[in-house]
Amino acid sequence: MNELDPIVGNWYLDLETDQKFEVVAVDEDSGAIEIQYHDGNIDELDFDAWQALNLEPIEPPEDWAAPLDDVEPDDIPYSEMGLEEGSEEWEDEDFPARGDDDAFHEERE
């Protein structure tokens, strides 16, 4: 049983499986901890399962982004926020004027 808190962004080594992973999300309301293994696989644990793990905190691996090496530019959706594939310009209407945060949120409601 470990007494480590799951901290988003921290890396851990499971001493029983020798797997490295990063905590990517913690939802205390639902009791869920989302982790991403060094190989890119994602898993979800509850707090009881987390405490049962034999863990050691570690520094992020030097090649921590290795699972993203296979991502091709064509795999990234560009349609969000008015940015079209190949476009280098953002549409002004996608962003509020400086100091106009209320108008931005009112439009979206």
N, C-alpha and C. Protein backbone atom coordinates (compact mmCIF):
# COMPACT_ATOMS: atom_id res chain seq x y z
N MET A 1 0.85 -1.18 0.00
CA MET A 1 0.00 0.00 0.00
C MET A 1 0.89 1.24 0.00
N ASN A 2 0.62 2.13 -0.94
CA ASN A 2 1.41 3.35 -0.98
C ASN A 2 0.63 4.51 -0.36
N GLU A 3 1.35 5.51 0.05
CA GLU A 3 0.72 6.68 0.64
C GLU A 3 0.96 7.92 -0.22
N LEU A 4 1.34 7.69 -1.49
CA LEU A 4 1.57 8.80 -2.41
C LEU A 4 0.24 9.33 -2.92
N ASP A 5 0.14 10.64 -3.02
CA ASP A 5 -1.03 11.25 -3.63
C ASP A 5 -0.84 11.25 -5.14
N PRO A 6 -1.90 10.97 -5.90
CA PRO A 6 -1.79 11.08 -7.35
C PRO A 6 -1.79 12.55 -7.75
N ILE A 7 -0.69 13.02 -8.30
CA ILE A 7 -0.55 14.43 -8.66
C ILE A 7 -0.44 14.53 -10.18
N VAL A 8 -1.34 15.30 -10.77
CA VAL A 8 -1.35 15.48 -12.22
C VAL A 8 -0.01 16.03 -12.67
N GLY A 9 0.56 15.38 -13.68
CA GLY A 9 1.85 15.79 -14.22
C GLY A 9 3.03 15.04 -13.64
N ASN A 10 2.82 14.35 -12.52
CA ASN A 10 3.91 13.58 -11.91
C ASN A 10 4.00 12.19 -12.54
N TRP A 11 5.23 11.70 -12.61
CA TRP A 11 5.51 10.36 -13.14
C TRP A 11 5.80 9.41 -11.99
N TYR A 12 5.40 8.15 -12.19
CA TYR A 12 5.59 7.11 -11.19
C TYR A 12 6.06 5.83 -11.87
N LEU A 13 6.74 5.00 -11.10
CA LEU A 13 7.16 3.68 -11.55
C LEU A 13 6.41 2.66 -10.72
N ASP A 14 5.69 1.77 -11.39
CA ASP A 14 5.03 0.65 -10.71
C ASP A 14 6.11 -0.40 -10.50
N LEU A 15 6.51 -0.61 -9.26
CA LEU A 15 7.63 -1.50 -8.95
C LEU A 15 7.30 -2.97 -9.22
N GLU A 16 6.02 -3.32 -9.28
CA GLU A 16 5.66 -4.71 -9.56
C GLU A 16 5.68 -5.03 -11.05
N THR A 17 5.29 -4.07 -11.89
CA THR A 17 5.21 -4.32 -13.33
C THR A 17 6.34 -3.64 -14.09
N ASP A 18 7.10 -2.79 -13.41
CA ASP A 18 8.19 -2.01 -14.00
C ASP A 18 7.70 -1.07 -15.10
N GLN A 19 6.44 -0.63 -14.98
CA GLN A 19 5.87 0.29 -15.97
C GLN A 19 5.93 1.72 -15.44
N LYS A 20 6.30 2.64 -16.33
CA LYS A 20 6.33 4.06 -16.00
C LYS A 20 5.04 4.69 -16.51
N PHE A 21 4.48 5.60 -15.71
CA PHE A 21 3.27 6.29 -16.14
C PHE A 21 3.19 7.67 -15.52
N GLU A 22 2.37 8.50 -16.16
CA GLU A 22 2.11 9.86 -15.69
C GLU A 22 0.65 9.96 -15.29
N VAL A 23 0.38 10.67 -14.21
CA VAL A 23 -1.00 10.96 -13.85
C VAL A 23 -1.45 12.13 -14.73
N VAL A 24 -2.51 11.92 -15.51
CA VAL A 24 -2.97 12.97 -16.42
C VAL A 24 -4.26 13.63 -15.96
N ALA A 25 -5.00 13.00 -15.03
CA ALA A 25 -6.21 13.62 -14.51
C ALA A 25 -6.60 12.95 -13.20
N VAL A 26 -7.16 13.75 -12.31
CA VAL A 26 -7.69 13.23 -11.05
C VAL A 26 -9.06 13.86 -10.85
N ASP A 27 -10.09 13.03 -10.70
CA ASP A 27 -11.43 13.52 -10.44
C ASP A 27 -11.84 13.03 -9.06
N GLU A 28 -11.70 13.91 -8.09
CA GLU A 28 -11.98 13.51 -6.71
C GLU A 28 -13.46 13.22 -6.50
N ASP A 29 -14.35 13.89 -7.26
CA ASP A 29 -15.78 13.65 -7.11
C ASP A 29 -16.16 12.23 -7.49
N SER A 30 -15.62 11.74 -8.59
CA SER A 30 -15.94 10.37 -9.03
C SER A 30 -14.95 9.34 -8.50
N GLY A 31 -13.83 9.82 -7.93
CA GLY A 31 -12.82 8.92 -7.41
C GLY A 31 -11.97 8.28 -8.48
N ALA A 32 -11.87 8.94 -9.64
CA ALA A 32 -11.13 8.37 -10.77
C ALA A 32 -9.77 9.05 -10.94
N ILE A 33 -8.78 8.24 -11.26
CA ILE A 33 -7.43 8.71 -11.56
C ILE A 33 -7.10 8.20 -12.95
N GLU A 34 -6.82 9.12 -13.87
CA GLU A 34 -6.46 8.72 -15.24
C GLU A 34 -4.95 8.78 -15.37
N ILE A 35 -4.38 7.69 -15.88
CA ILE A 35 -2.93 7.63 -16.05
C ILE A 35 -2.61 7.30 -17.50
N GLN A 36 -1.44 7.75 -17.93
CA GLN A 36 -0.96 7.40 -19.27
C GLN A 36 0.40 6.75 -19.13
N TYR A 37 0.47 5.51 -19.61
CA TYR A 37 1.72 4.77 -19.55
C TYR A 37 2.72 5.35 -20.54
N HIS A 38 3.97 5.04 -20.32
CA HIS A 38 5.05 5.53 -21.17
C HIS A 38 4.86 5.12 -22.62
N ASP A 39 4.18 4.00 -22.87
CA ASP A 39 3.94 3.54 -24.24
C ASP A 39 2.74 4.22 -24.90
N GLY A 40 2.07 5.11 -24.17
CA GLY A 40 0.95 5.85 -24.72
C GLY A 40 -0.42 5.34 -24.32
N ASN A 41 -0.50 4.12 -23.79
CA ASN A 41 -1.79 3.58 -23.36
C ASN A 41 -2.32 4.36 -22.17
N ILE A 42 -3.64 4.49 -22.13
CA ILE A 42 -4.30 5.23 -21.05
C ILE A 42 -5.12 4.25 -20.23
N ASP A 43 -5.15 4.48 -18.92
CA ASP A 43 -5.90 3.62 -18.01
C ASP A 43 -6.56 4.50 -16.96
N GLU A 44 -7.58 3.96 -16.32
CA GLU A 44 -8.25 4.69 -15.25
C GLU A 44 -8.29 3.80 -14.02
N LEU A 45 -7.95 4.38 -12.89
CA LEU A 45 -7.94 3.66 -11.62
C LEU A 45 -8.86 4.37 -10.64
N ASP A 46 -9.35 3.63 -9.65
CA ASP A 46 -10.02 4.31 -8.54
C ASP A 46 -8.99 4.48 -7.42
N PHE A 47 -9.35 5.23 -6.40
CA PHE A 47 -8.39 5.53 -5.34
C PHE A 47 -7.93 4.28 -4.59
N ASP A 48 -8.82 3.28 -4.44
CA ASP A 48 -8.41 2.04 -3.77
C ASP A 48 -7.35 1.31 -4.57
N ALA A 49 -7.54 1.23 -5.90
CA ALA A 49 -6.54 0.58 -6.76
C ALA A 49 -5.22 1.34 -6.72
N TRP A 50 -5.30 2.68 -6.69
CA TRP A 50 -4.09 3.51 -6.62
C TRP A 50 -3.30 3.18 -5.36
N GLN A 51 -3.99 3.13 -4.23
CA GLN A 51 -3.31 2.87 -2.96
C GLN A 51 -2.72 1.48 -2.89
N ALA A 52 -3.27 0.54 -3.64
CA ALA A 52 -2.76 -0.84 -3.63
C ALA A 52 -1.49 -0.99 -4.46
N LEU A 53 -1.18 0.00 -5.31
CA LEU A 53 0.02 -0.09 -6.15
C LEU A 53 1.28 0.13 -5.34
N ASN A 54 2.35 -0.54 -5.75
CA ASN A 54 3.67 -0.35 -5.14
C ASN A 54 4.42 0.63 -6.04
N LEU A 55 4.38 1.91 -5.68
CA LEU A 55 4.88 2.97 -6.56
C LEU A 55 6.10 3.67 -6.01
N GLU A 56 6.84 4.22 -6.95
CA GLU A 56 7.98 5.08 -6.62
C GLU A 56 7.88 6.30 -7.53
N PRO A 57 7.92 7.52 -6.96
CA PRO A 57 7.91 8.70 -7.83
C PRO A 57 9.22 8.76 -8.62
N ILE A 58 9.13 9.16 -9.90
CA ILE A 58 10.31 9.24 -10.75
C ILE A 58 10.29 10.55 -11.53
N GLU A 59 11.43 10.90 -12.09
CA GLU A 59 11.52 12.04 -13.00
C GLU A 59 10.91 11.61 -14.34
N PRO A 60 10.35 12.56 -15.09
CA PRO A 60 9.83 12.18 -16.41
C PRO A 60 10.93 11.55 -17.26
N PRO A 61 10.61 10.47 -17.97
CA PRO A 61 11.61 9.86 -18.84
C PRO A 61 12.09 10.86 -19.88
N GLU A 62 13.34 10.71 -20.32
CA GLU A 62 13.89 11.64 -21.31
C GLU A 62 13.09 11.61 -22.60
N ASP A 63 12.57 10.45 -22.96
CA ASP A 63 11.79 10.33 -24.19
C ASP A 63 10.30 10.23 -23.89
N TRP A 64 9.82 11.03 -22.93
CA TRP A 64 8.43 10.94 -22.48
C TRP A 64 7.43 11.22 -23.60
N ALA A 65 7.82 11.92 -24.65
CA ALA A 65 6.91 12.22 -25.75
C ALA A 65 6.98 11.16 -26.85
N ALA A 66 7.72 10.10 -26.64
CA ALA A 66 7.88 9.06 -27.66
C ALA A 66 6.55 8.53 -28.20
N PRO A 67 5.51 8.34 -27.37
CA PRO A 67 4.25 7.85 -27.93
C PRO A 67 3.64 8.80 -28.95
N LEU A 68 4.05 10.06 -28.96
CA LEU A 68 3.50 11.02 -29.91
C LEU A 68 4.29 11.08 -31.20
N ASP A 69 5.39 10.35 -31.28
CA ASP A 69 6.23 10.38 -32.48
C ASP A 69 5.49 9.93 -33.73
N ASP A 70 4.47 9.08 -33.58
CA ASP A 70 3.74 8.55 -34.73
C ASP A 70 2.63 9.47 -35.21
N VAL A 71 2.37 10.57 -34.52
CA VAL A 71 1.28 11.46 -34.90
C VAL A 71 1.68 12.25 -36.14
N GLU A 72 0.85 12.13 -37.16
CA GLU A 72 1.07 12.83 -38.42
C GLU A 72 0.24 14.11 -38.41
N PRO A 73 0.69 15.15 -39.09
CA PRO A 73 -0.09 16.39 -39.15
C PRO A 73 -1.52 16.17 -39.65
N ASP A 74 -1.72 15.19 -40.54
CA ASP A 74 -3.06 14.91 -41.05
C ASP A 74 -3.98 14.32 -39.98
N ASP A 75 -3.41 13.82 -38.88
CA ASP A 75 -4.20 13.23 -37.81
C ASP A 75 -4.76 14.28 -36.86
N ILE A 76 -4.33 15.52 -36.98
CA ILE A 76 -4.74 16.58 -36.06
C ILE A 76 -5.93 17.32 -36.66
N PRO A 77 -7.06 17.39 -35.92
CA PRO A 77 -8.22 18.11 -36.47
C PRO A 77 -7.98 19.62 -36.43
N TYR A 78 -8.16 20.27 -37.57
CA TYR A 78 -7.91 21.71 -37.66
C TYR A 78 -9.20 22.52 -37.66
N SER A 79 -10.34 21.88 -37.60
CA SER A 79 -11.59 22.61 -37.75
C SER A 79 -11.99 23.41 -36.52
N GLU A 80 -11.42 23.11 -35.37
CA GLU A 80 -11.78 23.83 -34.16
C GLU A 80 -11.35 25.29 -34.23
N MET A 81 -12.19 26.16 -33.72
CA MET A 81 -11.89 27.59 -33.58
C MET A 81 -11.60 28.26 -34.92
N GLY A 82 -12.14 27.75 -36.01
CA GLY A 82 -12.02 28.43 -37.29
C GLY A 82 -10.69 28.27 -37.98
N LEU A 83 -9.81 27.45 -37.47
CA LEU A 83 -8.52 27.25 -38.12
C LEU A 83 -8.66 26.09 -39.10
N GLU A 84 -8.45 26.36 -40.33
CA GLU A 84 -8.54 25.33 -41.36
C GLU A 84 -7.16 24.75 -41.62
N GLU A 85 -7.12 23.50 -42.04
CA GLU A 85 -5.85 22.85 -42.34
C GLU A 85 -5.06 23.68 -43.34
N GLY A 86 -3.82 23.92 -43.03
CA GLY A 86 -2.95 24.69 -43.90
C GLY A 86 -3.05 26.19 -43.68
N SER A 87 -4.03 26.63 -42.91
CA SER A 87 -4.19 28.06 -42.64
C SER A 87 -3.28 28.46 -41.50
N GLU A 88 -2.70 29.61 -41.62
CA GLU A 88 -1.84 30.10 -40.54
C GLU A 88 -2.47 31.28 -39.83
N GLU A 89 -3.72 31.59 -40.16
CA GLU A 89 -4.38 32.74 -39.57
C GLU A 89 -5.60 32.29 -38.78
N TRP A 90 -5.81 32.92 -37.65
CA TRP A 90 -7.00 32.71 -36.85
C TRP A 90 -8.01 33.76 -37.25
N GLU A 91 -9.27 33.40 -37.23
CA GLU A 91 -10.33 34.36 -37.50
C GLU A 91 -10.53 35.23 -36.27
N ASP A 92 -10.59 36.56 -36.46
CA ASP A 92 -10.75 37.48 -35.34
C ASP A 92 -12.01 37.22 -34.54
N GLU A 93 -13.10 36.81 -35.21
CA GLU A 93 -14.35 36.62 -34.48
C GLU A 93 -14.30 35.42 -33.53
N ASP A 94 -13.27 34.61 -33.62
CA ASP A 94 -13.13 33.48 -32.71
C ASP A 94 -12.61 33.89 -31.34
N PHE A 95 -12.17 35.12 -31.21
CA PHE A 95 -11.56 35.57 -29.96
C PHE A 95 -12.17 36.89 -29.53
N PRO A 96 -12.39 37.08 -28.22
CA PRO A 96 -12.94 38.35 -27.75
C PRO A 96 -11.91 39.47 -27.86
N ALA A 97 -12.43 40.68 -27.97
CA ALA A 97 -11.52 41.83 -27.93
C ALA A 97 -10.90 41.90 -26.55
N ARG A 98 -9.73 42.43 -26.46
CA ARG A 98 -9.05 42.55 -25.17
C ARG A 98 -9.95 43.29 -24.19
N GLY A 99 -10.14 42.71 -23.00
CA GLY A 99 -10.96 43.33 -21.97
C GLY A 99 -12.45 43.09 -22.17
N ASP A 100 -12.83 42.25 -23.14
CA ASP A 100 -14.23 42.01 -23.46
C ASP A 100 -14.61 40.57 -23.11
N ASP A 101 -14.12 40.07 -21.99
CA ASP A 101 -14.36 38.68 -21.61
C ASP A 101 -15.84 38.38 -21.42
N ASP A 102 -16.61 39.32 -20.85
CA ASP A 102 -18.02 39.06 -20.61
C ASP A 102 -18.77 38.82 -21.92
N ALA A 103 -18.48 39.61 -22.94
CA ALA A 103 -19.14 39.44 -24.23
C ALA A 103 -18.81 38.08 -24.82
N PHE A 104 -17.60 37.64 -24.64
CA PHE A 104 -17.19 36.33 -25.15
C PHE A 104 -18.02 35.22 -24.51
N HIS A 105 -18.17 35.26 -23.19
CA HIS A 105 -18.90 34.21 -22.49
C HIS A 105 -20.40 34.30 -22.75
N GLU A 106 -20.95 35.51 -22.89
CA GLU A 106 -22.37 35.66 -23.16
C GLU A 106 -22.73 35.07 -24.51
N GLU A 107 -21.88 35.27 -25.51
CA GLU A 107 -22.12 34.72 -26.84
C GLU A 107 -22.20 33.21 -26.82
N ARG A 108 -21.40 32.58 -26.01
CA ARG A 108 -21.28 31.13 -26.00
C ARG A 108 -22.38 30.45 -25.17
N GLU A 109 -23.09 31.19 -24.36
CA GLU A 109 -24.09 30.58 -23.47
C GLU A 109 -25.37 30.24 -24.19
